[in-house]
Amino acid sequence: MNTGARAMGWMKNVKVMYKIAILALIGLIAMAVIGFTGYHYLGSAGASLEDLYTVELQSVRHIGEERVARRKIQVDVLEMIRSRDAAEVQKNKQDLTKDYQAYEKNWSEYEEIGQKDPAAAPLLDGVKNAWQQYRKNSEQITTLMEQGKNEEANTFYNAEYLKAFNVLRDRALELQQVADKNAESIYHENGATTAKAIKIMLVVTLIAVVILILASIWNAREITGPLQHMMVLCNRLSKGDFRITPRTVNRGDEFGEM
C-alpha cells in the first residue's frame, strides 16, 4: 500500500507534458511489440515458403519431368519396334539417345535436391537402379531392331521392357508421394504459424488498449482533479472570500506551481 502511495505521489510531481509522453510511449511500445511479432512470424513463414519453392516445388517439377521423359522413351521405343527399314531404326535410335540424355540431366538436378530431403534420400538409389534397368532394356530393343529381329524385339518389349517400365514408375511414384507430403506439411505449418502470430498480436493489442485506457483515465483525473480544485478556489475568490486556508494540494507539476 505504501509503495503504491509513493508511486502515485511520485507521479504527482511529473509534469503534464511528460505524463502525456508516457501515454505515447506506452502506445509506441505496444506498436513495436506488435510489429516485431508480425515481422518474426512473417520471416518464419517466408523461410518456409522459400523451402517450399526451392525444395518441394522443384522436386514436384523434376518428378513431373521424369514422368514425361519416361513416357517419351516408351513412345520412341514403340516407334523403334514399328520401324520399317534401317534408316528409320537409326533415326529412332538418335531420338532415344536424346531422350536418355534429357532424362539423366533432369534426374541429376533432382538428385541434388533429393539428397537434402531425409525422406527422399533413401529412395534415390532405388529409382536410379530402376532407371538403369529401364535404359538397358530400351537399348536391348534397339540392338534387336538393328539386327532385324523385329519379332524378338516385340516379344522382349512385352516380357521385359514393360516390367522395367512399371518398376521405374512405382519408384518414381514413391518420390512423388514424399514431395506431396512435404508440401502439405509446410502448408499446414505456415497456417499454424500465421494463426499463432494473429493470436499473439490480438492479445498484445488488447493488453495495450486496456493499459492505454486505464492510463488515460488516470491521467485525465490527474489533470481534471486539480483544475476542479482551482475552480472551487476561484469561485470563492469571486465571491469575495479571501480568507487564507491551509494548503491541501501538494504536487510538483504545473498545477502545484499554480
Protein backbone atom coordinates (compact mmCIF):
# COMPACT_ATOMS: atom_id res chain seq x y z
CA MET A 1 0.00 0.00 0.00
CA ASN A 2 2.83 2.39 0.95
CA THR A 3 4.68 1.51 -2.26
CA GLY A 4 1.57 2.29 -4.33
CA ALA A 5 1.06 5.54 -2.49
CA ARG A 6 4.68 6.54 -3.04
CA ALA A 7 4.34 5.72 -6.75
CA MET A 8 1.19 7.83 -7.02
CA GLY A 9 2.89 10.62 -5.08
CA TRP A 10 5.87 10.49 -7.42
CA MET A 11 3.59 10.75 -10.45
CA LYS A 12 2.00 13.90 -8.96
CA ASN A 13 5.39 15.58 -9.37
CA VAL A 14 5.67 14.67 -13.08
CA LYS A 15 4.95 17.48 -15.49
CA VAL A 16 1.77 17.19 -17.57
CA MET A 17 3.82 17.10 -20.76
CA TYR A 18 5.70 14.05 -19.51
CA LYS A 19 2.50 12.35 -18.41
CA ILE A 20 1.21 12.68 -21.98
CA ALA A 21 4.57 11.45 -23.23
CA ILE A 22 4.20 8.36 -21.04
CA LEU A 23 0.90 7.56 -22.77
CA ALA A 24 2.57 7.98 -26.15
CA LEU A 25 5.45 5.75 -25.02
CA ILE A 26 3.05 3.01 -23.98
CA GLY A 27 1.44 3.20 -27.43
CA LEU A 28 4.83 3.08 -29.16
CA ILE A 29 5.95 0.08 -27.11
CA ALA A 30 2.73 -1.74 -27.96
CA MET A 31 3.13 -0.98 -31.67
CA ALA A 32 6.79 -2.08 -31.53
CA VAL A 33 5.83 -5.39 -29.90
CA ILE A 34 3.07 -5.97 -32.46
CA GLY A 35 5.40 -5.05 -35.32
CA PHE A 36 8.19 -7.30 -34.06
CA THR A 37 5.78 -10.19 -33.60
CA GLY A 38 4.45 -9.78 -37.12
CA TYR A 39 7.97 -9.44 -38.54
CA HIS A 40 9.19 -12.53 -36.69
CA TYR A 41 6.36 -14.78 -37.80
CA LEU A 42 6.30 -13.40 -41.33
CA GLY A 43 10.03 -14.16 -41.52
CA SER A 44 9.39 -17.69 -40.34
CA ALA A 45 6.59 -18.13 -42.88
CA GLY A 46 8.82 -16.65 -45.58
CA ALA A 47 11.56 -19.18 -44.81
CA SER A 48 9.03 -21.99 -45.05
CA LEU A 49 7.73 -20.67 -48.36
CA GLU A 50 11.27 -20.40 -49.70
CA ASP A 51 11.88 -24.01 -48.68
CA LEU A 52 8.59 -24.93 -50.31
CA TYR A 53 9.71 -23.35 -53.58
CA THR A 54 13.40 -24.28 -53.65
CA VAL A 55 12.91 -27.88 -52.49
CA GLU A 56 9.36 -29.18 -52.62
CA LEU A 57 8.02 -27.43 -55.72
CA GLN A 58 11.27 -28.07 -57.56
CA SER A 59 11.01 -31.72 -56.54
CA VAL A 60 7.48 -31.92 -57.89
CA ARG A 61 8.62 -30.28 -61.15
CA HIS A 62 11.52 -32.69 -61.65
CA ILE A 63 9.38 -35.71 -60.82
CA GLY A 64 6.80 -34.50 -63.33
CA GLU A 65 9.52 -34.12 -65.96
CA GLU A 66 10.77 -37.61 -65.12
CA ARG A 67 7.33 -38.99 -65.87
CA VAL A 68 7.19 -37.15 -69.20
CA ALA A 69 10.71 -38.26 -70.17
CA ARG A 70 9.92 -41.88 -69.24
CA ARG A 71 6.79 -41.82 -71.39
CA LYS A 72 8.70 -40.19 -74.24
CA ILE A 73 11.23 -43.03 -74.19
CA GLN A 74 8.42 -45.57 -74.26
CA VAL A 75 6.83 -43.87 -77.27
CA ASP A 76 10.16 -43.81 -79.14
CA VAL A 77 10.76 -47.48 -78.29
CA LEU A 78 7.38 -48.34 -79.80
CA GLU A 79 8.29 -46.27 -82.85
CA MET A 80 11.52 -48.24 -82.99
CA ILE A 81 9.65 -51.55 -82.99
CA ARG A 82 7.42 -50.29 -85.80
CA SER A 83 10.38 -49.18 -87.93
CA ARG A 84 10.19 -50.47 -91.50
CA ASP A 85 13.81 -50.06 -92.56
CA ALA A 86 17.34 -49.48 -91.22
CA ALA A 87 17.19 -45.71 -91.80
CA GLU A 88 14.11 -45.40 -89.64
CA VAL A 89 15.74 -47.55 -86.97
CA GLN A 90 18.75 -45.20 -86.89
CA LYS A 91 16.52 -42.15 -86.69
CA ASN A 92 14.63 -43.62 -83.72
CA LYS A 93 17.93 -44.59 -82.14
CA GLN A 94 19.08 -40.96 -82.30
CA ASP A 95 15.79 -39.84 -80.75
CA LEU A 96 16.23 -42.34 -77.93
CA THR A 97 19.78 -41.12 -77.29
CA LYS A 98 18.42 -37.58 -76.81
CA ASP A 99 15.69 -38.95 -74.55
CA TYR A 100 18.27 -40.72 -72.36
CA GLN A 101 20.30 -37.52 -72.05
CA ALA A 102 17.23 -35.45 -71.15
CA TYR A 103 16.13 -37.98 -68.54
CA GLU A 104 19.55 -38.21 -66.90
CA LYS A 105 20.01 -34.43 -66.89
CA ASN A 106 16.66 -33.97 -65.16
CA TRP A 107 17.44 -36.78 -62.72
CA SER A 108 20.85 -35.29 -61.87
CA GLU A 109 19.19 -31.98 -60.97
CA TYR A 110 16.57 -33.71 -58.86
CA GLU A 111 19.16 -35.86 -57.10
CA GLU A 112 20.87 -32.74 -55.71
CA ILE A 113 17.56 -31.65 -54.18
CA GLY A 114 16.53 -35.14 -53.06
CA GLN A 115 19.76 -35.66 -51.11
CA LYS A 116 18.71 -32.78 -48.82
CA ASP A 117 15.39 -34.45 -48.00
CA PRO A 118 15.68 -37.14 -45.29
CA ALA A 119 12.51 -38.82 -46.54
CA ALA A 120 13.51 -38.84 -50.24
CA ALA A 121 17.24 -39.62 -49.93
CA PRO A 122 16.80 -43.36 -49.10
CA LEU A 123 14.63 -43.80 -52.23
CA LEU A 124 17.10 -42.34 -54.72
CA ASP A 125 19.16 -45.49 -55.25
CA GLY A 126 16.02 -47.49 -55.97
CA VAL A 127 14.95 -45.08 -58.71
CA LYS A 128 18.48 -44.92 -60.13
CA ASN A 129 18.75 -48.72 -60.34
CA ALA A 130 15.29 -48.97 -61.90
CA TRP A 131 16.29 -46.34 -64.48
CA GLN A 132 19.47 -48.21 -65.40
CA GLN A 133 17.48 -51.39 -66.00
CA TYR A 134 14.86 -49.47 -67.97
CA ARG A 135 17.50 -47.92 -70.22
CA LYS A 136 19.27 -51.25 -70.62
CA ASN A 137 16.04 -52.86 -71.83
CA SER A 138 15.40 -49.96 -74.22
CA GLU A 139 18.89 -50.34 -75.67
CA GLN A 140 18.35 -54.09 -75.99
CA ILE A 141 15.30 -53.45 -78.17
CA THR A 142 17.39 -51.08 -80.30
CA THR A 143 20.03 -53.77 -80.71
CA LEU A 144 17.45 -56.37 -81.75
CA MET A 145 15.93 -53.98 -84.29
CA GLU A 146 19.35 -53.19 -85.73
CA GLN A 147 19.81 -56.94 -86.21
CA GLY A 148 16.47 -57.13 -87.98
CA LYS A 149 14.88 -59.21 -85.22
CA ASN A 150 11.53 -57.43 -85.12
CA GLU A 151 9.55 -60.29 -83.58
CA GLU A 152 12.10 -60.83 -80.83
CA ALA A 153 12.10 -57.11 -80.11
CA ASN A 154 8.31 -57.11 -79.80
CA THR A 155 8.39 -60.16 -77.52
CA PHE A 156 11.11 -58.60 -75.37
CA TYR A 157 9.05 -55.40 -75.12
CA ASN A 158 6.02 -57.24 -73.70
CA ALA A 159 8.01 -59.59 -71.44
CA GLU A 160 10.86 -57.45 -70.04
CA TYR A 161 10.59 -53.85 -71.14
CA LEU A 162 7.15 -53.21 -69.62
CA LYS A 163 8.24 -54.86 -66.40
CA ALA A 164 11.18 -52.46 -66.08
CA PHE A 165 8.90 -49.56 -67.02
CA ASN A 166 6.45 -50.42 -64.23
CA VAL A 167 9.22 -50.77 -61.64
CA LEU A 168 10.62 -47.34 -62.55
CA ARG A 169 7.13 -45.86 -62.49
CA ASP A 170 6.47 -47.24 -58.99
CA ARG A 171 9.81 -45.99 -57.63
CA ALA A 172 9.19 -42.52 -59.04
CA LEU A 173 5.69 -42.55 -57.56
CA GLU A 174 7.20 -43.06 -54.09
CA LEU A 175 9.23 -39.88 -54.56
CA GLN A 176 6.10 -38.05 -55.74
CA GLN A 177 4.28 -39.07 -52.57
CA VAL A 178 7.17 -37.82 -50.42
CA ALA A 179 7.18 -34.45 -52.20
CA ASP A 180 3.40 -34.11 -51.88
CA LYS A 181 3.54 -34.97 -48.18
CA ASN A 182 6.33 -32.46 -47.52
CA ALA A 183 4.50 -29.71 -49.39
CA GLU A 184 1.31 -30.39 -47.44
CA SER A 185 3.25 -30.36 -44.17
CA ILE A 186 4.78 -26.95 -44.97
CA TYR A 187 1.34 -25.63 -45.95
CA HIS A 188 -0.18 -26.66 -42.60
CA GLU A 189 2.87 -25.38 -40.72
CA ASN A 190 2.51 -21.97 -42.35
CA GLY A 191 -1.17 -21.94 -41.48
CA ALA A 192 -0.39 -22.71 -37.83
CA THR A 193 2.36 -20.06 -37.74
CA THR A 194 0.05 -17.42 -39.20
CA ALA A 195 -2.73 -18.29 -36.74
CA LYS A 196 -0.28 -18.08 -33.82
CA ALA A 197 1.03 -14.71 -34.99
CA ILE A 198 -2.51 -13.32 -35.31
CA LYS A 199 -3.41 -14.61 -31.84
CA ILE A 200 -0.33 -13.07 -30.22
CA MET A 201 -0.84 -9.73 -31.97
CA LEU A 202 -4.51 -9.65 -30.89
CA VAL A 203 -3.55 -10.38 -27.27
CA VAL A 204 -0.80 -7.73 -27.29
CA THR A 205 -3.17 -5.22 -28.90
CA LEU A 206 -5.88 -5.94 -26.31
CA ILE A 207 -3.43 -5.56 -23.41
CA ALA A 208 -2.07 -2.33 -24.88
CA VAL A 209 -5.58 -0.92 -25.35
CA VAL A 210 -6.53 -1.78 -21.75
CA ILE A 211 -3.34 -0.20 -20.40
CA LEU A 212 -3.83 2.91 -22.54
CA ILE A 213 -7.45 3.27 -21.40
CA LEU A 214 -6.53 2.90 -17.71
CA ALA A 215 -3.55 5.25 -18.08
CA SER A 216 -5.70 7.79 -19.95
CA ILE A 217 -8.38 7.70 -17.25
CA TRP A 218 -5.80 8.11 -14.53
CA ASN A 219 -4.03 10.89 -16.43
CA ALA A 220 -7.33 12.67 -17.05
CA ARG A 221 -8.11 12.54 -13.32
CA GLU A 222 -4.63 13.86 -12.55
CA ILE A 223 -5.40 16.86 -14.75
CA THR A 224 -9.10 17.47 -14.06
CA GLY A 225 -8.79 16.96 -10.26
CA PRO A 226 -6.51 19.95 -9.68
CA LEU A 227 -8.50 22.02 -12.18
CA GLN A 228 -11.70 21.38 -10.24
CA HIS A 229 -9.93 22.34 -7.02
CA MET A 230 -8.74 25.57 -8.65
CA MET A 231 -12.28 26.30 -9.85
CA VAL A 232 -13.53 25.97 -6.30
CA LEU A 233 -10.88 28.42 -5.09
CA CYS A 234 -11.60 30.85 -7.92
CA ASN A 235 -15.31 30.68 -7.12
CA ARG A 236 -14.58 31.58 -3.51
CA LEU A 237 -12.41 34.49 -4.59
CA SER A 238 -15.10 35.75 -6.97
CA LYS A 239 -17.48 35.88 -4.02
CA GLY A 240 -15.02 37.96 -2.04
CA ASP A 241 -13.77 35.16 0.23
CA PHE A 242 -10.07 35.98 0.61
CA ARG A 243 -9.52 34.00 3.77
CA ILE A 244 -6.24 32.12 3.93
CA THR A 245 -6.85 28.38 4.26
CA PRO A 246 -4.35 25.56 4.79
CA ARG A 247 -2.83 24.28 1.53
CA THR A 248 -4.36 20.95 0.53
CA VAL A 249 -2.63 20.49 -2.84
CA ASN A 250 0.98 19.35 -2.66
CA ARG A 251 2.39 18.43 -6.04
CA GLY A 252 5.37 19.32 -8.21
CA ASP A 253 3.69 19.69 -11.60
CA GLU A 254 2.27 22.81 -13.26
CA PHE A 255 -0.87 22.64 -11.11
CA GLY A 256 1.20 22.55 -7.91
CA GLU A 257 3.10 25.63 -9.10
CA MET A 258 -0.19 27.46 -9.81
